[in-house]
C-alpha atoms as a PDB file:
ATOM      1  CA  MET A   1       0.091   0.037   0.106  1.00  0.00           C
ATOM      2  CA  SER A   2       2.379   2.476  -1.090  1.00  0.00           C
ATOM      3  CA  ARG A   3       2.835   5.412  -4.160  1.00  0.00           C
ATOM      4  CA  GLY A   4       1.673   4.028  -7.429  1.00  0.00           C
ATOM      5  CA  GLY A   5      -0.555   1.305  -5.793  1.00  0.00           C
ATOM      6  CA  VAL A   6      -3.895   0.694  -8.002  1.00  0.00           C
ATOM      7  CA  TYR A   7      -7.125   0.257  -5.876  1.00  0.00           C
ATOM      8  CA  PHE A   8     -10.715  -0.188  -6.468  1.00  0.00           C
ATOM      9  CA  HIS A   9     -13.181   0.986  -3.869  1.00  0.00           C
ATOM     10  CA  SER A  10     -16.843  -0.629  -4.017  1.00  0.00           C
ATOM     11  CA  GLN A  11     -17.983   2.227  -1.614  1.00  0.00           C
ATOM     12  CA  PHE A  12     -15.768   5.255  -2.560  1.00  0.00           C
ATOM     13  CA  PRO A  13     -17.001   8.345  -0.488  1.00  0.00           C
ATOM     14  CA  PHE A  14     -17.207  11.110  -3.208  1.00  0.00           C
ATOM     15  CA  HIS A  15     -16.845  14.858  -2.080  1.00  0.00           C
ATOM     16  CA  ASP A  16     -20.578  15.590  -3.067  1.00  0.00           C
ATOM     17  CA  GLY A  17     -21.543  12.865  -0.627  1.00  0.00           C
ATOM     18  CA  GLU A  18     -22.356  10.181  -3.103  1.00  0.00           C
ATOM     19  CA  ILE A  19     -21.164   6.719  -2.675  1.00  0.00           C
ATOM     20  CA  GLY A  20     -20.095   4.503  -5.715  1.00  0.00           C
ATOM     21  CA  GLN A  21     -17.337   2.469  -7.162  1.00  0.00           C
ATOM     22  CA  LYS A  22     -13.888   3.795  -8.267  1.00  0.00           C
ATOM     23  CA  LEU A  23     -10.538   2.857  -9.279  1.00  0.00           C
ATOM     24  CA  PHE A  24      -7.930   5.021  -7.670  1.00  0.00           C
ATOM     25  CA  VAL A  25      -4.012   5.920  -7.384  1.00  0.00           C
ATOM     26  CA  VAL A  26      -1.960   6.084  -4.190  1.00  0.00           C
ATOM     27  CA  ILE A  27       0.378   9.200  -4.757  1.00  0.00           C
ATOM     28  CA  ASN A  28       2.243   9.566  -1.769  1.00  0.00           C
ATOM     29  CA  GLU A  29       4.143   7.131   0.906  1.00  0.00           C
ATOM     30  CA  PRO A  30       2.434   7.956   4.063  1.00  0.00           C
ATOM     31  CA  PHE A  31       4.743   7.762   7.277  1.00  0.00           C
ATOM     32  CA  GLU A  32       3.124   6.919  10.678  1.00  0.00           C
ATOM     33  CA  ASP A  33      -0.410   8.598  11.136  1.00  0.00           C
ATOM     34  CA  GLU A  34      -0.157  10.338   7.628  1.00  0.00           C
ATOM     35  CA  PRO A  35      -3.151  10.141   5.374  1.00  0.00           C
ATOM     36  CA  TYR A  36      -3.103   8.167   2.159  1.00  0.00           C
ATOM     37  CA  ILE A  37      -3.216  10.919  -0.865  1.00  0.00           C
ATOM     38  CA  ILE A  38      -5.377   9.427  -3.859  1.00  0.00           C
ATOM     39  CA  LEU A  39      -6.378  10.352  -7.050  1.00  0.00           C
ATOM     40  CA  LYS A  40      -9.675   9.050  -8.732  1.00  0.00           C
ATOM     41  CA  THR A  41      -9.511   7.973 -12.452  1.00  0.00           C
ATOM     42  CA  THR A  42     -12.113   7.675 -15.174  1.00  0.00           C
ATOM     43  CA  THR A  43     -12.752   6.205 -18.436  1.00  0.00           C
ATOM     44  CA  ASN A  44     -15.348   8.998 -19.165  1.00  0.00           C
ATOM     45  CA  PHE A  45     -13.846  11.333 -21.450  1.00  0.00           C
ATOM     46  CA  ARG A  46     -16.848  13.483 -22.132  1.00  0.00           C
ATOM     47  CA  ASN A  47     -16.142  13.704 -26.232  1.00  0.00           C
ATOM     48  CA  LYS A  48     -12.719  15.406 -25.416  1.00  0.00           C
ATOM     49  CA  THR A  49      -9.260  14.161 -26.515  1.00  0.00           C
ATOM     50  CA  TYR A  50      -6.079  13.754 -24.443  1.00  0.00           C
ATOM     51  CA  LYS A  51      -2.483  13.474 -25.611  1.00  0.00           C
ATOM     52  CA  GLU A  52      -0.800  10.750 -23.775  1.00  0.00           C
ATOM     53  CA  GLY A  53       0.748  11.452 -20.349  1.00  0.00           C
ATOM     54  CA  CYS A  54       0.311  15.173 -18.635  1.00  0.00           C
ATOM     55  CA  ASN A  55      -2.518  17.125 -19.731  1.00  0.00           C
ATOM     56  CA  ALA A  56      -1.987  19.851 -16.855  1.00  0.00           C
ATOM     57  CA  HIS A  57      -4.225  22.557 -18.726  1.00  0.00           C
ATOM     58  CA  GLN A  58      -7.202  20.068 -18.494  1.00  0.00           C
ATOM     59  CA  GLY A  59      -6.167  18.437 -14.658  1.00  0.00           C
ATOM     60  CA  VAL A  60      -5.670  15.070 -16.049  1.00  0.00           C
ATOM     61  CA  PHE A  61      -3.057  12.361 -16.808  1.00  0.00           C
ATOM     62  CA  TYR A  62      -4.022  10.256 -19.742  1.00  0.00           C
ATOM     63  CA  LEU A  63      -3.197   6.571 -19.926  1.00  0.00           C
ATOM     64  CA  PRO A  64      -3.724   4.853 -23.226  1.00  0.00           C
ATOM     65  CA  ALA A  65      -5.461   1.065 -22.853  1.00  0.00           C
ATOM     66  CA  ASN A  66      -3.345  -1.481 -21.279  1.00  0.00           C
ATOM     67  CA  LYS A  67      -0.225   1.100 -20.953  1.00  0.00           C
ATOM     68  CA  GLU A  68      -0.246   0.063 -17.307  1.00  0.00           C
ATOM     69  CA  ASN A  69      -1.600  -3.417 -16.464  1.00  0.00           C
ATOM     70  CA  ALA A  70      -4.081  -2.259 -14.128  1.00  0.00           C
ATOM     71  CA  PHE A  71      -5.861  -0.028 -16.501  1.00  0.00           C
ATOM     72  CA  PRO A  72      -7.305  -2.239 -19.744  1.00  0.00           C
ATOM     73  CA  LYS A  73      -9.163   0.789 -21.048  1.00  0.00           C
ATOM     74  CA  ASP A  74      -7.935   4.484 -21.770  1.00  0.00           C
ATOM     75  CA  THR A  75      -8.258   6.026 -18.497  1.00  0.00           C
ATOM     76  CA  LEU A  76      -7.810   9.576 -17.302  1.00  0.00           C
ATOM     77  CA  VAL A  77      -6.404   9.919 -13.510  1.00  0.00           C
ATOM     78  CA  GLN A  78      -7.925  13.133 -12.268  1.00  0.00           C
ATOM     79  CA  LEU A  79      -5.197  15.238 -10.804  1.00  0.00           C
ATOM     80  CA  LEU A  80      -7.334  18.135  -9.309  1.00  0.00           C
ATOM     81  CA  GLU A  81      -9.649  15.853  -7.032  1.00  0.00           C
ATOM     82  CA  ILE A  82      -7.502  14.775  -4.474  1.00  0.00           C
ATOM     83  CA  TYR A  83      -8.581  12.796  -1.698  1.00  0.00           C
ATOM     84  CA  ASP A  84      -7.278  11.796   1.658  1.00  0.00           C
ATOM     85  CA  PHE A  85      -8.083   8.689   3.567  1.00  0.00           C
ATOM     86  CA  SER A  86      -6.573   7.995   7.107  1.00  0.00           C
ATOM     87  CA  SER A  87      -4.359   4.923   7.529  1.00  0.00           C
ATOM     88  CA  ARG A  88      -6.884   3.749   9.477  1.00  0.00           C
ATOM     89  CA  ALA A  89      -9.745   4.187   7.219  1.00  0.00           C
ATOM     90  CA  PHE A  90      -7.850   2.924   4.226  1.00  0.00           C
ATOM     91  CA  LEU A  91      -6.565  -0.104   6.284  1.00  0.00           C
ATOM     92  CA  LYS A  92      -9.779  -0.953   7.531  1.00  0.00           C
ATOM     93  CA  GLY A  93     -11.628  -0.628   4.085  1.00  0.00           C
ATOM     94  CA  HIS A  94      -8.664  -2.955   2.681  1.00  0.00           C
ATOM     95  CA  LEU A  95      -8.289  -5.533   5.269  1.00  0.00           C
ATOM     96  CA  THR A  96     -11.419  -5.579   7.332  1.00  0.00           C
ATOM     97  CA  GLU A  97     -14.464  -4.469   5.304  1.00  0.00           C
ATOM     98  CA  LYS A  98     -12.920  -5.823   2.131  1.00  0.00           C
ATOM     99  CA  VAL A  99     -14.247  -2.701   0.047  1.00  0.00           C
ATOM    100  CA  ILE A 100     -10.962  -1.455  -1.060  1.00  0.00           C
ATOM    101  CA  SER A 101      -9.241  -4.177  -3.351  1.00  0.00           C
ATOM    102  CA  HIS A 102      -5.793  -3.922  -4.820  1.00  0.00           C
ATOM    103  CA  ILE A 103      -5.521  -3.905  -8.517  1.00  0.00           C
ATOM    104  CA  GLY A 104      -1.955  -3.463  -9.204  1.00  0.00           C
ATOM    105  CA  ASN A 105       0.487  -0.975  -9.604  1.00  0.00           C
ATOM    106  CA  VAL A 106       1.629   2.006 -11.691  1.00  0.00           C
ATOM    107  CA  SER A 107       5.011   1.677 -13.041  1.00  0.00           C
ATOM    108  CA  GLY A 108       7.863   3.941 -11.405  1.00  0.00           C
ATOM    109  CA  LEU A 109       8.286   5.772 -14.435  1.00  0.00           C
ATOM    110  CA  THR A 110       4.349   6.576 -15.068  1.00  0.00           C
ATOM    111  CA  MET A 111       4.346   7.462 -11.382  1.00  0.00           C
ATOM    112  CA  SER A 112       7.052  10.111 -11.682  1.00  0.00           C
ATOM    113  CA  GLN A 113       5.529  11.644 -14.644  1.00  0.00           C
ATOM    114  CA  ILE A 114       2.293  11.803 -12.622  1.00  0.00           C
ATOM    115  CA  ILE A 115       3.896  13.485 -10.111  1.00  0.00           C
ATOM    116  CA  ASN A 116       5.837  15.905 -12.394  1.00  0.00           C
ATOM    117  CA  CYS A 117       2.425  16.792 -13.573  1.00  0.00           C
ATOM    118  CA  ILE A 118       0.800  17.674 -10.300  1.00  0.00           C
ATOM    119  CA  LYS A 119       4.051  19.902 -10.076  1.00  0.00           C
ATOM    120  CA  GLN A 120       2.524  22.256 -12.695  1.00  0.00           C
ATOM    121  CA  LEU A 121      -0.553  22.537 -10.841  1.00  0.00           C
ATOM    122  CA  LYS A 122       0.710  23.710  -7.402  1.00  0.00           C
ATOM    123  CA  ASP A 123      -1.494  26.640  -7.418  1.00  0.00           C
ATOM    124  CA  ASP A 124      -4.639  24.394  -7.788  1.00  0.00           C
ATOM    125  CA  ILE A 125      -4.209  22.218  -5.184  1.00  0.00           C
ATOM    126  CA  SER A 126      -4.283  22.339  -1.381  1.00  0.00           C
ATOM    127  CA  GLU A 127      -1.106  22.991   0.257  1.00  0.00           C
ATOM    128  CA  LYS A 128      -1.620  20.151   3.086  1.00  0.00           C
ATOM    129  CA  HIS A 129      -1.874  17.879   0.292  1.00  0.00           C
ATOM    130  CA  TYR A 130       1.129  19.429  -1.791  1.00  0.00           C
ATOM    131  CA  LYS A 131       2.923  18.847   1.159  1.00  0.00           C
ATOM    132  CA  LEU A 132       1.965  15.300   1.845  1.00  0.00           C
ATOM    133  CA  ILE A 133       2.863  14.332  -2.146  1.00  0.00           C
ATOM    134  CA  PHE A 134       6.186  16.380  -2.239  1.00  0.00           C
ATOM    135  CA  LYS A 135       7.417  15.748   1.328  1.00  0.00           C
ATOM    136  CA  LYS A 136      11.307  15.110   1.569  1.00  0.00           C
END
């Protein structure tokens, strides 16, 4: 359960209060009581086109189908909708409640590219999240 892990959450709590199914990517390495910082993914492109990789001006990172083993369909990693789960909630969902399951991992190269893309959006994300993603 570390940076680059891809998970499926069967009861994902969206910011608007809705609950649904969602794939997400962990983008930090939590230490002690730090939360897991995660990014949602989507396969709904809303009739838009994207170049492979960083599309910072649109707030997404585009992964073509099967570029990463965890994503069999063309997928957008949504860079501006950042969520955090406490370590306790994440582990409880994964190990006890079984609502979070590990699907695979994003390669180190792709994870570095996603992180570099997020750097371009520094002014658009919270300081709290930025510090947890880029801590030394």
